[in-house]
Amino acid sequence: MDKPREQENPEMKTMVERRDFLGGAATLAGTSLLGLGLPASAEAAEATQDRMPPIPADKLTDVQKKAMEEVIAGPRGTFVGPFVPLLRSPDLMSRLQKVGEYLRYNTKLGANISEFVILIAARQWTQQFEWDSHDKLALKAGVKPEIIAAVAEGRRPVGMTDDEEMAHDFCIELHHNRCVSDASYARIVKRFGEQGVIDMIALCGYYTLLGMVMNVARTPLPGGKPAPLAEFPH
């Protein structure tokens, strides 16, 4: 008897196993994990419910009030997005927001590259609030609309500047491969120095963390805006 094709070809066997795994995961996600047999409308409502909405003012602890005031008094000037759920751990939030302040406003990468890197992280996590908060900032910083659109669609942009191209390749490798190649590392360290390498890694990591927090908390977009990103991959 002939062997099944996937037994003859190890790569095909791996692809079959991955297909079966993803199919099973999708079935679970559609029924037992998310839906539990609920009607579609109930599923949709449950999936969009804000799990960690703003804490009522009369319920805030002194530590939470102080941490909240620190954010508002800083360059952000407001208390929205990831800080709403993070306030459940005010000491963590207080330390973390200072890291974010440096990464947003003080790195040596330049606003255009910093905002570009933030969008790449937001796309990796399909983080709607993060994307909505930074796509216009990236545009203002000089990232072209067609570059932003390509990132939103999960495509490698064409027509990038040299700095954008090296940042894109470095960050995509880091997000996907959990490391970077010698070639990608060499380009970044030559252009931005070792500090630039660390700052770029930190941008990827910080906005990944915020993306995780808001995806788990189901942080809504302000004013009931429609989601700017399609589910990814799609």
Protein backbone atom coordinates (compact mmCIF):
# COMPACT_ATOMS: atom_id res chain seq x y z
CA MET A 1 0.00 0.00 0.00
CA ASP A 2 1.25 3.47 -0.85
CA LYS A 3 2.20 5.69 2.07
CA PRO A 4 0.11 8.81 2.62
CA ARG A 5 1.76 11.81 0.95
CA GLU A 6 2.31 13.61 4.25
CA GLN A 7 4.35 10.62 5.52
CA GLU A 8 6.59 10.76 2.47
CA ASN A 9 7.10 14.50 2.77
CA PRO A 10 7.88 15.75 6.29
CA GLU A 11 7.13 19.36 5.30
CA MET A 12 3.69 18.37 4.06
CA LYS A 13 3.08 16.42 7.28
CA THR A 14 3.93 19.54 9.28
CA MET A 15 1.59 21.63 7.15
CA VAL A 16 -1.22 19.10 7.62
CA GLU A 17 -0.70 19.04 11.38
CA ARG A 18 -0.66 22.85 11.50
CA ARG A 19 -3.82 22.98 9.38
CA ASP A 20 -5.57 20.50 11.67
CA PHE A 21 -4.42 22.38 14.78
CA LEU A 22 -5.60 25.73 13.46
CA GLY A 23 -8.87 24.23 12.36
CA GLY A 24 -9.41 22.78 15.81
CA ALA A 25 -8.46 26.03 17.48
CA ALA A 26 -10.87 27.92 15.27
CA THR A 27 -13.65 25.49 16.16
CA LEU A 28 -12.93 25.90 19.85
CA ALA A 29 -12.80 29.67 19.57
CA GLY A 30 -16.10 29.71 17.74
CA THR A 31 -17.93 27.43 20.16
CA SER A 32 -16.69 26.29 23.53
CA LEU A 33 -14.18 29.04 24.34
CA LEU A 34 -15.99 32.19 23.21
CA GLY A 35 -19.50 31.27 22.27
CA LEU A 36 -20.52 28.50 24.64
CA GLY A 37 -23.52 28.03 22.39
CA LEU A 38 -24.70 31.64 22.78
CA PRO A 39 -26.59 33.36 19.97
CA ALA A 40 -24.41 35.36 17.61
CA SER A 41 -25.69 38.69 18.98
CA ALA A 42 -24.83 37.65 22.53
CA GLU A 43 -21.38 36.51 21.42
CA ALA A 44 -20.72 39.84 19.72
CA ALA A 45 -21.85 41.81 22.77
CA GLU A 46 -19.71 39.70 25.08
CA ALA A 47 -16.64 40.07 22.84
CA THR A 48 -16.86 43.88 22.84
CA GLN A 49 -17.70 44.46 26.50
CA ASP A 50 -15.12 46.60 28.32
CA ARG A 51 -13.77 44.31 31.02
CA MET A 52 -11.91 47.05 32.88
CA PRO A 53 -13.76 50.35 32.50
CA PRO A 54 -12.76 53.51 34.37
CA ILE A 55 -12.82 53.09 38.12
CA PRO A 56 -15.43 55.40 39.73
CA ALA A 57 -13.79 58.35 41.47
CA ASP A 58 -15.21 57.37 44.85
CA LYS A 59 -13.65 53.91 44.54
CA LEU A 60 -10.09 55.07 43.82
CA THR A 61 -7.44 54.48 46.45
CA ASP A 62 -4.98 57.22 47.35
CA VAL A 63 -2.25 55.35 45.47
CA GLN A 64 -4.45 55.11 42.36
CA LYS A 65 -5.32 58.81 42.56
CA LYS A 66 -1.66 59.75 42.77
CA ALA A 67 -0.69 57.49 39.85
CA MET A 68 -3.53 58.90 37.76
CA GLU A 69 -2.52 62.49 38.53
CA GLU A 70 1.07 61.73 37.46
CA VAL A 71 -0.09 60.67 34.00
CA ILE A 72 -2.36 63.70 33.57
CA ALA A 73 0.39 66.08 34.74
CA GLY A 74 2.86 64.65 32.20
CA PRO A 75 3.13 65.32 28.46
CA ARG A 76 0.10 63.15 27.66
CA GLY A 77 -2.21 65.50 29.56
CA THR A 78 -5.02 62.96 29.72
CA PHE A 79 -5.86 59.58 31.22
CA VAL A 80 -7.19 57.20 28.59
CA GLY A 81 -6.49 53.93 26.80
CA PRO A 82 -4.15 51.44 28.44
CA PHE A 83 -3.85 53.43 31.66
CA VAL A 84 -7.50 52.79 32.50
CA PRO A 85 -7.01 49.03 32.97
CA LEU A 86 -3.41 49.45 34.20
CA LEU A 87 -4.67 51.55 37.11
CA ARG A 88 -5.72 48.27 38.73
CA SER A 89 -1.99 47.92 39.48
CA PRO A 90 -1.06 51.54 40.22
CA ASP A 91 2.56 50.98 41.22
CA LEU A 92 3.20 49.09 38.00
CA MET A 93 1.37 51.72 35.99
CA SER A 94 3.36 54.53 37.60
CA ARG A 95 6.67 52.92 36.65
CA LEU A 96 5.48 51.82 33.24
CA GLN A 97 4.13 55.19 32.17
CA LYS A 98 7.53 56.75 32.78
CA VAL A 99 9.07 54.21 30.41
CA GLY A 100 6.38 55.07 27.88
CA GLU A 101 7.02 58.78 28.30
CA TYR A 102 10.68 58.26 27.39
CA LEU A 103 9.82 56.06 24.42
CA ARG A 104 7.16 58.44 23.10
CA TYR A 105 9.04 61.69 23.48
CA ASN A 106 12.77 61.25 24.14
CA THR A 107 14.39 58.52 22.07
CA LYS A 108 17.05 59.38 19.49
CA LEU A 109 15.16 57.56 16.74
CA GLY A 110 13.08 60.56 15.68
CA ALA A 111 9.30 60.87 15.85
CA ASN A 112 8.79 59.41 12.36
CA ILE A 113 10.60 56.15 13.14
CA SER A 114 9.18 55.90 16.66
CA GLU A 115 5.60 56.29 15.40
CA PHE A 116 6.27 53.89 12.54
CA VAL A 117 7.53 51.27 14.99
CA ILE A 118 4.47 51.81 17.20
CA LEU A 119 2.15 51.18 14.24
CA ILE A 120 3.98 47.96 13.42
CA ALA A 121 3.43 46.76 17.00
CA ALA A 122 -0.23 47.81 16.93
CA ARG A 123 -0.74 45.88 13.70
CA GLN A 124 0.89 42.75 15.11
CA TRP A 125 -1.63 42.72 17.96
CA THR A 126 -4.57 44.17 15.98
CA GLN A 127 -4.75 46.79 18.72
CA GLN A 128 -7.44 49.20 17.64
CA PHE A 129 -6.97 51.90 20.29
CA GLU A 130 -3.21 51.90 19.80
CA TRP A 131 -3.57 52.24 16.03
CA ASP A 132 -6.26 54.92 16.30
CA SER A 133 -4.03 56.91 18.69
CA HIS A 134 -0.91 56.77 16.52
CA ASP A 135 -1.77 56.63 12.82
CA LYS A 136 -2.33 60.39 12.65
CA LEU A 137 0.78 61.01 14.75
CA ALA A 138 2.78 58.91 12.29
CA LEU A 139 1.32 60.88 9.39
CA LYS A 140 2.16 64.17 11.12
CA ALA A 141 5.70 62.91 11.74
CA GLY A 142 6.23 62.31 8.04
CA VAL A 143 5.27 58.68 7.43
CA LYS A 144 3.50 58.57 4.06
CA PRO A 145 -0.19 57.58 3.92
CA GLU A 146 0.55 54.67 1.56
CA ILE A 147 3.18 53.33 3.98
CA ILE A 148 0.67 53.46 6.84
CA ALA A 149 -2.00 51.79 4.69
CA ALA A 150 0.37 48.94 3.79
CA VAL A 151 1.19 48.28 7.44
CA ALA A 152 -2.54 48.30 8.25
CA GLU A 153 -3.13 45.69 5.56
CA GLY A 154 -0.27 43.50 6.75
CA ARG A 155 1.84 44.15 3.65
CA ARG A 156 5.50 45.11 3.40
CA PRO A 157 5.32 48.74 2.29
CA VAL A 158 6.99 49.84 -0.92
CA GLY A 159 8.65 53.23 -1.25
CA MET A 160 9.93 53.37 2.30
CA THR A 161 12.83 55.62 3.22
CA ASP A 162 16.07 53.88 4.14
CA ASP A 163 15.38 54.49 7.83
CA GLU A 164 11.83 53.15 7.55
CA GLU A 165 12.99 50.09 5.64
CA MET A 166 15.63 49.11 8.19
CA ALA A 167 13.24 49.79 11.10
CA HIS A 168 10.49 47.77 9.43
CA ASP A 169 12.71 44.77 8.77
CA PHE A 170 14.22 44.85 12.26
CA CYS A 171 10.82 45.06 13.99
CA ILE A 172 9.06 42.49 11.82
CA GLU A 173 11.90 40.02 12.39
CA LEU A 174 11.76 40.68 16.12
CA HIS A 175 7.99 40.24 16.32
CA HIS A 176 7.88 37.15 14.10
CA ASN A 177 11.20 35.39 14.75
CA ARG A 178 11.81 36.52 18.35
CA CYS A 179 15.28 37.62 17.24
CA VAL A 180 16.91 39.57 14.40
CA SER A 181 19.42 38.64 11.73
CA ASP A 182 22.98 39.96 11.67
CA ALA A 183 22.15 42.04 8.61
CA SER A 184 19.16 43.75 10.23
CA TYR A 185 21.07 44.35 13.44
CA ALA A 186 24.06 45.82 11.60
CA ARG A 187 21.93 48.34 9.72
CA ILE A 188 20.24 49.64 12.87
CA VAL A 189 23.39 49.81 14.97
CA LYS A 190 25.24 51.63 12.17
CA ARG A 191 22.45 54.17 11.74
CA PHE A 192 21.22 54.68 15.32
CA GLY A 193 23.96 53.22 17.51
CA GLU A 194 23.56 50.66 20.27
CA GLN A 195 21.26 53.00 22.18
CA GLY A 196 19.02 53.11 19.12
CA VAL A 197 18.93 49.31 19.00
CA ILE A 198 17.81 49.14 22.62
CA ASP A 199 15.27 51.93 22.18
CA MET A 200 13.76 50.22 19.14
CA ILE A 201 13.50 46.91 20.99
CA ALA A 202 11.90 48.74 23.91
CA LEU A 203 9.33 50.39 21.62
CA CYS A 204 8.37 46.97 20.25
CA GLY A 205 8.14 45.52 23.75
CA TYR A 206 6.34 48.42 25.42
CA TYR A 207 3.63 48.70 22.78
CA THR A 208 3.28 44.94 22.66
CA LEU A 209 2.61 45.03 26.41
CA LEU A 210 0.05 47.81 26.02
CA GLY A 211 -1.54 45.87 23.18
CA MET A 212 -1.81 42.79 25.40
CA VAL A 213 -3.34 44.81 28.22
CA MET A 214 -5.96 46.48 26.03
CA ASN A 215 -6.80 43.31 24.10
CA VAL A 216 -7.42 41.46 27.36
CA ALA A 217 -9.29 44.39 28.92
CA ARG A 218 -11.18 45.00 25.66
CA THR A 219 -10.47 48.70 25.93
CA PRO A 220 -12.92 50.47 23.60
CA LEU A 221 -12.19 53.16 21.08
CA PRO A 222 -13.21 56.66 22.18
CA GLY A 223 -16.62 57.87 21.12
CA GLY A 224 -17.70 54.53 19.69
CA LYS A 225 -15.43 54.86 16.66
CA PRO A 226 -15.37 51.94 14.18
CA ALA A 227 -12.34 49.67 14.41
CA PRO A 228 -9.65 50.93 12.00
CA LEU A 229 -7.93 47.55 11.56
CA ALA A 230 -9.27 44.35 10.03
CA GLU A 231 -8.62 41.16 11.94
CA PHE A 232 -5.08 40.00 11.24
CA PRO A 233 -4.09 37.74 9.61
CA HIS A 234 -7.06 37.89 7.31
